[in-house]
Amino acid sequence: MLDQLFGNLEEQQKQLKENLRKIPVTVQSSDGKVTLALNAAREVTNVSIAEEAIEENGVEYLEDLLVNLMNEAMEKVRQEEAKAMQDQMKDLLPGLGGLSSLFK
């Protein structure tokens, strides 16, 4: 039974990564002038910075803002990744009844 569950682990990991690539994660500055888009596979897909964000606040502010937005995005990615892994485990272990709750 364990061979069936874990024998295809590499394929399951590939499938999880593909599923994570389909989950969008977006964070935006409070003024809406800076936006980061990622997917739950931790791939940055877009960075949008309005010109006035640089002009009004300067580069140092923008650098700090990008660090904060990236940290916020990584936390959202972590949450999406955990949810996707939990869902995949439920699919892998449907016959274990209440034990699948261990993967929450």
C-alpha atoms as a PDB file:
ATOM      1  CA  MET A   1       0.000   0.000   0.000  1.00  0.00           C
ATOM      2  CA  LEU A   2       2.787   2.431   0.854  1.00  0.00           C
ATOM      3  CA  ASP A   3       4.396   1.699  -2.506  1.00  0.00           C
ATOM      4  CA  GLN A   4       1.201   2.849  -4.179  1.00  0.00           C
ATOM      5  CA  LEU A   5       0.969   5.979  -2.037  1.00  0.00           C
ATOM      6  CA  PHE A   6       4.573   7.097  -2.303  1.00  0.00           C
ATOM      7  CA  GLY A   7       5.864   5.259  -5.369  1.00  0.00           C
ATOM      8  CA  ASN A   8       4.660   8.045  -7.590  1.00  0.00           C
ATOM      9  CA  LEU A   9       5.942  10.845  -5.348  1.00  0.00           C
ATOM     10  CA  GLU A  10       7.992  12.541  -8.058  1.00  0.00           C
ATOM     11  CA  GLU A  11       4.973  12.712 -10.348  1.00  0.00           C
ATOM     12  CA  GLN A  12       2.862  14.093  -7.507  1.00  0.00           C
ATOM     13  CA  GLN A  13       5.459  16.811  -6.851  1.00  0.00           C
ATOM     14  CA  LYS A  14       5.449  17.782 -10.532  1.00  0.00           C
ATOM     15  CA  GLN A  15       1.655  17.935 -10.503  1.00  0.00           C
ATOM     16  CA  LEU A  16       1.673  20.073  -7.350  1.00  0.00           C
ATOM     17  CA  LYS A  17       4.109  22.543  -8.940  1.00  0.00           C
ATOM     18  CA  GLU A  18       1.917  22.780 -12.052  1.00  0.00           C
ATOM     19  CA  ASN A  19      -1.136  23.371  -9.877  1.00  0.00           C
ATOM     20  CA  LEU A  20       0.721  26.068  -7.935  1.00  0.00           C
ATOM     21  CA  ARG A  21       1.638  27.829 -11.186  1.00  0.00           C
ATOM     22  CA  LYS A  22      -2.082  28.277 -11.858  1.00  0.00           C
ATOM     23  CA  ILE A  23      -2.773  30.077  -8.554  1.00  0.00           C
ATOM     24  CA  PRO A  24      -2.296  33.843  -8.901  1.00  0.00           C
ATOM     25  CA  VAL A  25      -1.079  35.938  -5.978  1.00  0.00           C
ATOM     26  CA  THR A  26      -1.164  39.729  -6.228  1.00  0.00           C
ATOM     27  CA  VAL A  27      -0.170  42.391  -3.714  1.00  0.00           C
ATOM     28  CA  GLN A  28      -0.467  46.125  -4.108  1.00  0.00           C
ATOM     29  CA  SER A  29       0.743  49.205  -2.265  1.00  0.00           C
ATOM     30  CA  SER A  30      -1.884  51.079  -0.287  1.00  0.00           C
ATOM     31  CA  ASP A  31      -1.952  53.858  -2.901  1.00  0.00           C
ATOM     32  CA  GLY A  32      -2.239  51.328  -5.744  1.00  0.00           C
ATOM     33  CA  LYS A  33       0.844  52.634  -7.539  1.00  0.00           C
ATOM     34  CA  VAL A  34       2.985  49.514  -7.093  1.00  0.00           C
ATOM     35  CA  THR A  35       1.745  45.995  -7.820  1.00  0.00           C
ATOM     36  CA  LEU A  36       3.515  42.645  -7.653  1.00  0.00           C
ATOM     37  CA  ALA A  37       2.028  39.572  -9.289  1.00  0.00           C
ATOM     38  CA  LEU A  38       3.270  36.073  -8.598  1.00  0.00           C
ATOM     39  CA  ASN A  39       1.989  32.566  -8.729  1.00  0.00           C
ATOM     40  CA  ALA A  40       1.933  30.140  -5.832  1.00  0.00           C
ATOM     41  CA  ALA A  41       4.979  28.363  -7.318  1.00  0.00           C
ATOM     42  CA  ARG A  42       6.960  31.444  -6.210  1.00  0.00           C
ATOM     43  CA  GLU A  43       7.457  32.794  -9.709  1.00  0.00           C
ATOM     44  CA  VAL A  44       7.156  36.557 -10.188  1.00  0.00           C
ATOM     45  CA  THR A  45       4.937  37.153 -13.204  1.00  0.00           C
ATOM     46  CA  ASN A  46       4.671  40.947 -13.234  1.00  0.00           C
ATOM     47  CA  VAL A  47       5.875  44.100 -11.502  1.00  0.00           C
ATOM     48  CA  SER A  48       4.026  47.334 -12.125  1.00  0.00           C
ATOM     49  CA  ILE A  49       5.325  50.668 -10.852  1.00  0.00           C
ATOM     50  CA  ALA A  50       3.555  53.915 -11.676  1.00  0.00           C
ATOM     51  CA  GLU A  51       6.014  56.637 -12.638  1.00  0.00           C
ATOM     52  CA  GLU A  52       4.608  58.994 -10.023  1.00  0.00           C
ATOM     53  CA  ALA A  53       5.475  56.470  -7.297  1.00  0.00           C
ATOM     54  CA  ILE A  54       9.141  57.182  -7.980  1.00  0.00           C
ATOM     55  CA  GLU A  55       8.702  60.904  -8.521  1.00  0.00           C
ATOM     56  CA  GLU A  56       6.655  61.472  -5.359  1.00  0.00           C
ATOM     57  CA  ASN A  57       8.539  59.246  -2.937  1.00  0.00           C
ATOM     58  CA  GLY A  58      12.045  58.641  -4.250  1.00  0.00           C
ATOM     59  CA  VAL A  59      13.960  55.468  -4.917  1.00  0.00           C
ATOM     60  CA  GLU A  60      14.744  54.585  -1.292  1.00  0.00           C
ATOM     61  CA  TYR A  61      11.045  54.597  -0.378  1.00  0.00           C
ATOM     62  CA  LEU A  62      10.276  52.481  -3.429  1.00  0.00           C
ATOM     63  CA  GLU A  63      12.976  49.968  -2.490  1.00  0.00           C
ATOM     64  CA  ASP A  64      11.558  49.642   1.028  1.00  0.00           C
ATOM     65  CA  LEU A  65       8.059  49.323  -0.373  1.00  0.00           C
ATOM     66  CA  LEU A  66       9.118  46.537  -2.745  1.00  0.00           C
ATOM     67  CA  VAL A  67      10.727  44.602   0.115  1.00  0.00           C
ATOM     68  CA  ASN A  68       7.542  44.887   2.169  1.00  0.00           C
ATOM     69  CA  LEU A  69       5.323  43.906  -0.748  1.00  0.00           C
ATOM     70  CA  MET A  70       7.533  40.922  -1.571  1.00  0.00           C
ATOM     71  CA  ASN A  71       7.340  39.723   2.042  1.00  0.00           C
ATOM     72  CA  GLU A  72       3.555  40.126   1.995  1.00  0.00           C
ATOM     73  CA  ALA A  73       3.393  38.220  -1.286  1.00  0.00           C
ATOM     74  CA  MET A  74       5.565  35.385   0.061  1.00  0.00           C
ATOM     75  CA  GLU A  75       3.237  34.982   3.040  1.00  0.00           C
ATOM     76  CA  LYS A  76       0.244  34.748   0.706  1.00  0.00           C
ATOM     77  CA  VAL A  77       2.148  32.243  -1.439  1.00  0.00           C
ATOM     78  CA  ARG A  78       2.947  30.166   1.653  1.00  0.00           C
ATOM     79  CA  GLN A  79      -0.751  30.060   2.543  1.00  0.00           C
ATOM     80  CA  GLU A  80      -1.776  29.061  -0.989  1.00  0.00           C
ATOM     81  CA  GLU A  81       0.962  26.427  -1.120  1.00  0.00           C
ATOM     82  CA  ALA A  82      -0.161  24.918   2.192  1.00  0.00           C
ATOM     83  CA  LYS A  83      -3.763  24.808   0.995  1.00  0.00           C
ATOM     84  CA  ALA A  84      -2.784  23.144  -2.289  1.00  0.00           C
ATOM     85  CA  MET A  85      -0.663  20.564  -0.476  1.00  0.00           C
ATOM     86  CA  GLN A  86      -3.515  19.843   1.913  1.00  0.00           C
ATOM     87  CA  ASP A  87      -5.913  19.343  -0.994  1.00  0.00           C
ATOM     88  CA  GLN A  88      -3.462  17.041  -2.757  1.00  0.00           C
ATOM     89  CA  MET A  89      -2.965  14.960   0.404  1.00  0.00           C
ATOM     90  CA  LYS A  90      -6.729  14.560   0.749  1.00  0.00           C
ATOM     91  CA  ASP A  91      -6.813  13.242  -2.810  1.00  0.00           C
ATOM     92  CA  LEU A  92      -3.916  10.859  -2.132  1.00  0.00           C
ATOM     93  CA  LEU A  93      -5.286   9.550   1.147  1.00  0.00           C
ATOM     94  CA  PRO A  94      -9.074   9.325   0.731  1.00  0.00           C
ATOM     95  CA  GLY A  95      -9.298   5.893   2.342  1.00  0.00           C
ATOM     96  CA  LEU A  96      -7.754   6.969   5.631  1.00  0.00           C
ATOM     97  CA  GLY A  97     -10.886   8.654   6.904  1.00  0.00           C
ATOM     98  CA  GLY A  98     -10.204  11.043   9.767  1.00  0.00           C
ATOM     99  CA  LEU A  99      -6.437  10.718   9.409  1.00  0.00           C
ATOM    100  CA  SER A 100      -6.471  13.068   6.414  1.00  0.00           C
ATOM    101  CA  SER A 101      -7.234  15.860   8.891  1.00  0.00           C
ATOM    102  CA  LEU A 102      -3.646  15.535  10.099  1.00  0.00           C
ATOM    103  CA  PHE A 103      -2.560  17.391   6.973  1.00  0.00           C
ATOM    104  CA  LYS A 104      -4.418  20.612   7.736  1.00  0.00           C
END
